[in-house]
Protein backbone atom coordinates (compact mmCIF):
# COMPACT_ATOMS: atom_id res chain seq x y z
CA MET A 1 0.00 0.00 0.00
CA LYS A 2 2.87 2.35 0.76
CA THR A 3 4.20 2.86 -2.78
CA PRO A 4 0.90 3.62 -4.56
CA ILE A 5 -0.19 5.97 -1.75
CA ILE A 6 3.08 7.91 -1.80
CA CYS A 7 3.16 8.08 -5.60
CA GLY A 8 -0.46 9.18 -5.82
CA ARG A 9 0.15 12.07 -3.44
CA GLU A 10 2.88 13.62 -5.58
CA PRO A 11 1.83 16.89 -7.31
CA THR A 12 2.91 15.42 -10.67
CA SER A 13 1.02 12.13 -10.30
CA SER A 14 -1.37 11.00 -13.05
CA GLU A 15 -5.12 10.52 -12.63
CA GLU A 16 -4.62 6.73 -12.60
CA GLU A 17 -2.03 7.01 -9.81
CA LYS A 18 -4.29 9.28 -7.79
CA LYS A 19 -7.21 6.88 -8.21
CA LEU A 20 -5.11 3.92 -7.10
CA ALA A 21 -3.79 5.92 -4.13
CA ALA A 22 -7.35 6.74 -3.04
CA GLU A 23 -8.32 3.06 -3.22
CA ARG A 24 -5.30 1.95 -1.20
CA SER A 25 -5.90 4.76 1.30
CA SER A 26 -9.46 3.55 1.86
CA GLU A 27 -8.27 -0.01 2.36
CA LEU A 28 -5.57 1.07 4.80
CA SER A 29 -7.97 3.28 6.72
CA ALA A 30 -10.51 0.45 7.03
CA ILE A 31 -7.85 -1.84 8.49
CA VAL A 32 -6.17 0.63 10.82
CA ASN A 33 -9.35 2.14 12.25
CA GLN A 34 -10.37 -1.25 13.64
CA PHE A 35 -7.84 -0.82 16.43
CA ILE A 36 -7.03 2.92 16.53
CA LEU A 37 -9.18 5.47 18.32
CA ARG A 38 -7.96 9.03 17.91
CA ARG A 39 -9.37 12.21 19.37
CA THR A 40 -7.99 15.68 18.68
CA ASN A 41 -8.57 19.07 20.27
CA ALA A 42 -10.93 19.83 17.38
CA LEU A 43 -13.60 18.44 19.71
CA LEU A 44 -13.09 21.53 21.87
CA SER A 45 -13.58 24.04 19.07
CA ASN A 46 -17.25 24.57 19.87
CA HIS A 47 -16.53 25.13 23.56
CA LEU A 48 -13.53 27.48 23.34
CA PRO A 49 -13.05 30.99 21.92
CA PRO A 50 -11.95 31.18 18.26
CA LYS A 51 -8.32 30.40 17.50
CA ILE A 52 -6.54 32.41 14.79
CA VAL A 53 -3.44 30.76 13.29
CA GLU A 54 -1.13 33.16 11.47
CA VAL A 55 2.00 32.23 9.52
CA VAL A 56 4.31 35.24 9.32
CA CYS A 57 7.11 35.00 6.76
CA CYS A 58 9.88 37.41 7.73
CA LYS A 59 12.55 38.58 5.34
CA LEU A 60 16.14 38.04 6.47
CA THR A 61 18.20 41.10 7.32
CA PRO A 62 21.24 41.93 5.13
CA LEU A 63 23.56 40.44 7.78
CA GLN A 64 21.58 37.21 7.93
CA SER A 65 21.50 36.98 4.13
CA GLU A 66 25.27 37.46 3.90
CA LEU A 67 25.93 34.77 6.49
CA TYR A 68 23.37 32.41 4.96
CA ASN A 69 24.84 32.71 1.46
CA HIS A 70 28.38 32.37 2.79
CA PHE A 71 27.42 29.18 4.61
CA ILE A 72 25.57 27.39 1.81
CA HIS A 73 28.34 28.20 -0.68
CA SER A 74 31.16 27.05 1.61
CA LYS A 75 33.24 24.02 0.61
CA ASN A 76 31.92 21.85 3.45
CA VAL A 77 28.26 22.43 2.63
CA LYS A 78 28.84 21.88 -1.09
CA LYS A 79 30.49 18.59 -0.17
CA VAL A 80 27.36 17.60 1.76
CA ILE A 81 25.21 18.31 -1.28
CA THR A 82 27.38 16.51 -3.84
CA GLU A 83 28.81 13.61 -1.83
CA GLU A 84 27.82 11.03 0.74
CA THR A 85 28.25 12.53 4.20
CA LYS A 86 27.60 11.25 7.69
CA GLN A 87 24.11 12.11 8.88
CA THR A 88 25.45 13.74 12.06
CA LYS A 89 27.30 16.35 9.98
CA ILE A 90 24.21 17.17 7.95
CA LEU A 91 22.16 17.63 11.12
CA ALA A 92 24.81 19.98 12.50
CA TYR A 93 24.62 22.11 9.34
CA ILE A 94 20.82 22.20 9.51
CA THR A 95 20.92 23.27 13.16
CA ALA A 96 23.40 26.04 12.33
CA LEU A 97 21.10 27.45 9.64
CA LYS A 98 18.07 27.30 11.93
CA LYS A 99 19.96 29.21 14.61
CA LEU A 100 21.07 31.80 12.07
CA CYS A 101 17.43 32.34 11.11
CA ASN A 102 16.64 33.07 14.75
CA HIS A 103 19.45 35.58 15.24
CA PRO A 104 23.07 36.02 14.00
CA LYS A 105 24.12 36.42 17.64
CA LEU A 106 23.74 32.65 18.09
CA ILE A 107 26.31 32.06 15.34
CA TYR A 108 28.59 34.80 16.66
CA ASP A 109 28.67 33.25 20.13
CA THR A 110 29.45 29.82 18.69
CA ILE A 111 32.36 31.19 16.65
CA LYS A 112 33.76 33.24 19.55
CA SER A 113 33.61 30.30 21.96
CA GLY A 114 35.28 27.95 19.50
CA SER A 115 32.53 25.40 20.03
CA PRO A 116 31.78 22.69 17.45
CA GLY A 117 29.29 23.76 14.82
CA THR A 118 31.23 26.60 13.20
CA THR A 119 32.01 24.60 10.05
CA GLY A 120 30.81 26.61 7.10
CA PHE A 121 31.16 29.93 8.92
CA GLU A 122 34.91 30.26 8.48
CA ASP A 123 36.07 33.86 7.94
CA CYS A 124 32.66 35.24 8.92
CA MET A 125 33.67 37.53 11.78
CA ARG A 126 34.15 40.37 9.28
CA PHE A 127 30.40 40.40 8.64
CA PHE A 128 29.39 41.12 12.24
CA PRO A 129 28.86 44.72 13.42
CA PRO A 130 30.44 45.94 16.70
CA GLU A 131 27.11 46.08 18.56
CA ILE A 132 26.66 42.32 18.43
CA SER A 133 29.59 41.76 20.82
CA GLY A 134 29.64 42.21 24.57
CA SER A 135 27.02 41.58 27.21
CA TRP A 136 24.62 44.26 25.81
CA THR A 137 24.08 45.61 29.32
CA GLY A 138 22.78 49.12 28.95
CA GLY A 139 22.72 48.81 25.17
CA ASP A 140 20.35 50.69 22.91
CA GLY A 141 18.73 47.50 21.61
CA ALA A 142 20.13 47.82 18.08
CA TRP A 143 20.91 44.08 18.13
CA VAL A 144 17.19 43.36 17.79
CA GLU A 145 17.14 44.72 14.23
CA LEU A 146 19.86 42.31 13.10
CA SER A 147 17.21 39.57 12.82
CA GLY A 148 14.05 39.87 10.76
CA LYS A 149 12.02 37.69 13.10
CA MET A 150 13.38 39.32 16.26
CA HIS A 151 12.59 42.77 14.87
CA VAL A 152 8.96 41.84 14.23
CA LEU A 153 8.72 40.15 17.64
CA ALA A 154 10.06 43.22 19.45
CA ARG A 155 7.47 45.42 17.81
CA LEU A 156 4.73 42.87 18.47
CA LEU A 157 5.56 42.90 22.19
CA ALA A 158 5.69 46.70 22.28
CA HIS A 159 2.27 47.19 20.70
CA LEU A 160 0.77 44.37 22.72
CA ARG A 161 2.00 45.94 25.95
CA GLN A 162 0.86 49.45 25.03
CA ARG A 163 -2.53 48.73 23.51
CA THR A 164 -3.92 45.62 25.22
CA ASP A 165 -3.90 43.69 28.47
CA ASP A 166 -3.11 40.44 26.64
CA ARG A 167 -0.29 38.16 27.76
CA ILE A 168 1.94 36.22 25.41
CA VAL A 169 3.88 32.94 25.38
CA LEU A 170 7.14 32.80 23.39
CA VAL A 171 8.19 29.29 22.34
CA SER A 172 11.55 28.21 20.94
CA ASN A 173 13.48 24.96 20.48
CA TYR A 174 16.72 26.60 21.64
CA THR A 175 17.58 27.90 25.11
CA GLN A 176 19.99 30.36 23.45
CA THR A 177 16.99 31.95 21.74
CA LEU A 178 15.17 32.09 25.07
CA ASP A 179 18.22 33.97 26.38
CA LEU A 180 17.68 36.57 23.65
CA PHE A 181 13.99 36.83 24.56
CA ALA A 182 14.96 37.36 28.19
CA GLN A 183 17.46 40.06 27.22
CA LEU A 184 14.80 41.82 25.16
CA CYS A 185 12.36 41.72 28.07
CA ARG A 186 14.96 43.11 30.48
CA GLU A 187 15.87 45.96 28.14
CA ARG A 188 12.21 46.89 27.56
CA ARG A 189 11.33 46.24 31.22
CA TYR A 190 8.69 43.65 30.45
CA PRO A 191 7.90 41.33 33.36
CA TYR A 192 8.57 37.76 32.26
CA LEU A 193 8.72 34.17 33.48
CA ARG A 194 10.86 31.39 32.02
CA LEU A 195 10.47 27.62 31.92
CA ASP A 196 13.13 25.43 30.30
CA GLY A 197 14.95 22.17 30.93
CA THR A 198 16.76 23.56 33.97
CA THR A 199 13.53 24.47 35.77
CA SER A 200 12.79 22.10 38.65
CA ILE A 201 9.51 20.18 38.73
CA SER A 202 8.48 21.85 41.99
CA LYS A 203 8.99 25.31 40.49
CA ARG A 204 7.16 24.68 37.21
CA GLN A 205 3.64 24.74 38.57
CA LYS A 206 4.41 27.87 40.57
CA LEU A 207 5.47 29.63 37.37
CA VAL A 208 2.31 28.48 35.58
CA ASN A 209 0.08 29.62 38.46
CA ARG A 210 1.75 33.03 38.57
CA PHE A 211 1.33 33.56 34.82
CA ASN A 212 -2.33 32.54 34.97
CA ASP A 213 -3.03 34.85 37.93
CA SER A 214 -4.64 37.99 36.51
CA THR A 215 -3.74 39.98 39.64
CA LYS A 216 -0.02 39.61 38.91
CA ASP A 217 1.72 41.94 36.47
CA GLU A 218 3.15 39.23 34.23
CA PHE A 219 3.39 39.80 30.50
CA VAL A 220 5.67 37.25 28.80
CA PHE A 221 6.15 33.53 29.41
CA LEU A 222 9.33 32.10 27.85
CA LEU A 223 8.87 28.42 27.08
CA SER A 224 11.21 25.73 25.81
CA SER A 225 9.19 23.53 23.46
CA LYS A 226 11.07 20.43 24.57
CA ALA A 227 10.72 21.07 28.30
CA GLY A 228 7.21 22.51 28.49
CA GLY A 229 5.50 21.86 25.18
CA CYS A 230 3.15 19.26 26.66
CA GLY A 231 0.79 19.30 29.61
CA LEU A 232 1.02 22.92 30.72
CA ASN A 233 -2.11 25.03 30.97
CA LEU A 234 -1.13 28.63 30.17
CA ILE A 235 -4.59 30.13 29.76
CA GLY A 236 -3.37 33.35 31.37
CA GLY A 237 -2.05 34.19 27.91
CA ASN A 238 -4.07 34.31 24.71
CA ARG A 239 -1.24 34.96 22.25
CA LEU A 240 1.58 32.56 21.45
CA VAL A 241 4.58 32.80 19.13
CA LEU A 242 6.22 29.69 17.66
CA PHE A 243 9.55 31.37 16.89
CA ASP A 244 11.15 28.41 15.08
CA PRO A 245 9.62 25.29 13.50
CA ASP A 246 10.19 21.73 14.68
CA TRP A 247 10.66 18.78 12.32
CA ASN A 248 7.84 17.01 14.15
CA PRO A 249 4.51 18.81 13.56
CA ALA A 250 3.11 17.24 16.73
CA ASN A 251 5.64 19.15 18.85
CA ASP A 252 4.58 22.50 17.41
CA LYS A 253 0.90 21.64 17.75
CA GLN A 254 1.36 20.63 21.37
CA ALA A 255 3.24 23.83 22.14
CA ALA A 256 0.62 25.98 20.40
CA ALA A 257 -2.14 24.27 22.39
CA ARG A 258 -0.82 25.60 25.71
CA VAL A 259 -3.03 28.70 25.49
CA TRP A 260 -6.07 27.18 23.72
CA ARG A 261 -7.35 25.04 26.56
CA ASP A 262 -10.33 24.68 28.84
CA GLY A 263 -10.70 27.88 30.84
CA GLN A 264 -9.53 30.26 28.11
CA LYS A 265 -11.85 33.28 27.87
CA LYS A 266 -10.20 35.36 25.14
CA ARG A 267 -9.75 34.95 21.41
CA VAL A 268 -6.48 33.11 20.83
CA TYR A 269 -3.79 34.15 18.34
CA ILE A 270 -1.05 31.72 17.30
CA TYR A 271 1.83 33.35 15.39
CA ARG A 272 4.19 31.04 13.52
CA PHE A 273 7.33 32.90 12.47
CA LEU A 274 9.27 31.65 9.43
CA SER A 275 12.29 33.20 7.71
CA THR A 276 11.45 33.66 4.03
CA GLY A 277 13.18 31.38 1.53
CA THR A 278 15.25 29.58 4.17
CA ILE A 279 15.44 26.14 5.70
CA GLU A 280 12.62 27.11 8.07
CA GLU A 281 10.14 27.15 5.22
CA LYS A 282 11.43 23.75 4.13
CA VAL A 283 10.90 22.36 7.63
CA TYR A 284 7.36 23.71 7.57
CA GLN A 285 6.80 22.11 4.16
CA ARG A 286 7.76 18.77 5.67
CA GLN A 287 5.35 19.35 8.51
CA MET A 288 2.52 19.88 6.04
CA SER A 289 3.52 16.75 4.10
CA LYS A 290 3.52 14.65 7.28
CA GLU A 291 0.18 16.05 8.37
CA GLY A 292 -1.35 15.23 4.99
CA LEU A 293 0.00 11.69 5.07
CA GLN A 294 -1.40 11.17 8.54
CA LYS A 295 -4.90 12.05 7.28
CA VAL A 296 -4.75 9.07 4.93
CA ILE A 297 -5.51 6.62 7.73
CA GLN A 298 -8.33 8.65 9.30
CA GLN A 299 -11.69 7.33 8.20
CA GLU A 300 -13.40 10.70 8.38
CA GLN A 301 -10.82 12.19 6.02
CA VAL A 302 -10.80 9.51 3.31
CA ASP A 303 -13.37 11.20 1.06
CA SER A 304 -11.64 14.57 1.22
CA VAL A 305 -8.22 13.03 0.63
CA LYS A 306 -9.31 11.43 -2.65
CA GLY A 307 -9.03 14.68 -4.49
CA GLN A 308 -5.98 15.91 -2.63
CA GLY A 309 -2.30 15.11 -2.34
CA ASN A 310 0.96 16.69 -1.35
CA VAL A 311 1.32 20.34 -2.24
CA PHE A 312 5.09 19.83 -2.21
CA SER A 313 6.97 17.19 -4.20
CA THR A 314 9.47 14.77 -2.67
CA GLU A 315 12.23 16.59 -4.54
CA ASP A 316 11.17 19.89 -2.96
CA LEU A 317 11.33 18.37 0.49
CA ARG A 318 14.86 17.06 -0.09
CA ASP A 319 16.12 20.45 -1.21
CA LEU A 320 17.26 21.79 2.14
CA PHE A 321 20.27 23.94 1.32
CA THR A 322 18.92 26.27 -1.37
CA PHE A 323 18.26 29.87 -0.37
CA TYR A 324 15.44 31.70 -2.17
CA ASP A 325 16.14 35.32 -1.32
CA ASN A 326 13.81 37.01 -3.82
CA VAL A 327 10.46 35.36 -3.20
CA ARG A 328 7.45 36.37 -1.17
CA SER A 329 7.38 32.95 0.42
CA GLU A 330 8.86 29.76 -0.96
CA ILE A 331 5.91 27.83 0.45
CA HIS A 332 3.46 30.02 -1.43
CA GLU A 333 5.49 29.77 -4.63
CA LYS A 334 5.65 25.96 -4.44
CA MET A 335 1.89 25.75 -3.86
CA ASN A 336 1.26 27.35 -7.27
CA CYS A 337 -1.66 29.21 -5.75
CA ASN A 338 -3.97 30.20 -8.61
CA ARG A 339 -5.92 32.56 -6.38
CA CYS A 340 -2.95 34.86 -5.91
CA LYS A 341 -1.66 35.07 -9.46
CA ASN A 342 -0.23 38.53 -10.03
CA ASP A 343 0.01 39.13 -13.76
CA GLY A 344 3.13 40.97 -14.83
CA SER A 345 4.66 41.29 -11.39
CA GLU A 346 7.95 39.79 -10.32
CA ASN A 347 8.90 37.88 -7.23
CA ILE A 348 9.81 40.71 -4.94
CA GLY A 349 11.15 40.01 -1.46
CA GLU A 350 8.51 40.92 1.07
CA GLN A 351 6.72 39.50 4.04
CA GLU A 352 3.72 37.36 3.35
CA ARG A 353 1.23 36.56 6.05
CA CYS A 354 -1.34 33.73 5.83
CA GLU A 355 -4.27 33.49 8.22
CA SER A 356 -6.70 30.74 9.17
CA GLU A 357 -9.39 30.48 11.79
CA ASN A 358 -10.25 27.00 13.08
CA GLY A 359 -14.01 26.47 13.02
CA SER A 360 -16.61 28.90 11.71
CA SER A 361 -17.39 30.42 15.10
CA GLY A 362 -16.70 34.15 15.01
CA SER A 363 -15.18 34.14 11.53
CA ASP A 364 -17.46 36.90 10.16
CA GLN A 365 -16.64 39.13 13.10
CA GLU A 366 -12.93 38.46 12.64
CA VAL A 367 -12.98 39.42 8.96
CA SER A 368 -14.47 42.80 9.89
CA ASP A 369 -11.82 43.36 12.57
CA ILE A 370 -9.37 46.16 11.90
CA GLY A 371 -6.06 44.75 10.84
CA GLY A 372 -3.30 44.58 8.32
CA PHE A 373 0.21 43.55 7.55
CA ALA A 374 3.20 45.29 6.03
CA GLY A 375 6.83 44.46 5.34
CA ILE A 376 9.73 45.52 7.53
CA ALA A 377 12.11 46.59 4.80
CA GLY A 378 10.20 48.82 2.38
CA CYS A 379 9.25 45.86 0.23
CA LEU A 380 5.48 46.11 -0.25
CA ASP A 381 5.06 47.12 -3.86
CA LYS A 382 3.69 45.53 -7.03
CA LEU A 383 1.58 43.13 -4.98
CA LYS A 384 -1.84 41.71 -5.63
CA SER A 385 -4.56 42.33 -3.08
CA SER A 386 -5.30 39.62 -0.55
CA GLU A 387 -7.28 36.45 -1.07
CA LYS A 388 -9.85 35.57 1.59
CA GLN A 389 -9.98 32.30 3.44
CA VAL A 390 -12.07 29.58 1.79
CA GLY A 391 -14.46 27.98 4.27
CA SER A 392 -13.01 26.68 7.54
CA PRO A 393 -9.83 24.88 6.43
CA LEU A 394 -7.63 22.61 8.47
CA GLU A 395 -4.26 23.99 9.53
CA GLU A 396 -2.45 21.90 6.92
CA ASP A 397 -4.75 23.03 4.08
CA LEU A 398 -2.67 26.10 3.23
CA ILE A 399 -4.22 26.61 -0.19
CA SER A 400 -7.57 27.43 1.41
CA TRP A 401 -6.12 29.82 3.99
CA GLY A 402 -6.41 33.56 3.61
CA HIS A 403 -3.34 34.90 1.76
CA HIS A 404 -2.45 38.49 2.59
CA PHE A 405 0.03 40.80 0.87
CA LEU A 406 -1.25 44.28 1.76
CA SER A 407 -1.52 45.81 5.20
CA GLU A 408 -5.21 46.68 5.16
CA SER A 409 -6.40 43.11 4.58
CA VAL A 410 -5.12 41.27 7.65
CA PRO A 411 -7.67 40.92 10.48
CA ASP A 412 -5.22 41.58 13.32
CA ALA A 413 -4.59 45.17 14.42
CA ILE A 414 -1.62 44.26 16.61
CA LEU A 415 0.17 42.41 13.82
CA GLN A 416 -0.52 45.33 11.49
CA ALA A 417 1.20 47.78 13.80
CA SER A 418 4.01 45.35 14.56
CA ALA A 419 4.88 44.71 10.93
CA GLY A 420 5.22 48.42 10.27
CA GLY A 421 4.72 50.37 7.12
CA GLU A 422 8.20 51.47 6.15
């Protein structure tokens, strides 16, 4: 069953292959569902406030782009692409790129300390500006603008603090990134709590209780996805940022679910930050592919799967070390979205934001909400107007999401202000 199902899900598969894949999927589902009972948090959608999932594609800064290009064109990385290399080396290169997407400071610290993982970044110290060194104590915060994602996050926190009483959870796979979040909070004097792998079991629940206590002046909860991605109830916050993607979609879903749980009273916003054209978009593509494959064995999804397959080809998923620096979003380009065709325009680097609301509850009200989205680097020109969400799509059904390119179309006032208009 495996081969026909996989082949039939490829974007280039023939009608015969798709038909055979649908038949094998039905057979597999009938067998598997005899002994598998699966329940998801979709059962709670009618009993909880609406959840808005937003994918924010952030353009790399010039420094990040220089480092990224230097790395992927280095001799060691080219050797990985053209020759057989040990898997451990490839994983180290992937991790380095993911850290670079978070902030160049993570690469700078690795190089300065002489730790393993600097392969590919030889002779890169010349790229770093003076302000990235030192402890940053008393600094002017210029380091924030060296990362596209960190720049957007800093503005998101500022507008959230000034204009609402909402609390936010910041999630990352790396404790080094949590260190940057903590530094940002200290510089801006935001009260914050932190839970990572070093936090004792006895202290964890105290941190959760304090964050959920509305009488306390807590604003940010820093969370390691590995240490606290499961089981915690952080309903004190109604906004959550997934700062970097995980290879396993279940890990990101579990982390995102920390604020959308029983007891939540506010509308929930989940922001997924991705660096445009980088390995982060490729990781997210793999997540979508895995999610789609998982639906094959679910009986209730068989009929809808018959006419669907992978949006991304196997070859696309294997292409990890190519940098697309002049696209709106590699994911959107690979989807070949017919709704967003922009006749005569070129692929200009800008931020693209996609939005989806799980369930139909409150969707009409959300569309009328003030909101918008703009790029951070003067890159919003020659763009087509937005395309509205189609129905109530699943999170992995990106084609049916709302696709937004202009600031006035996004139904999230805080994200509009955070993205800026320059």
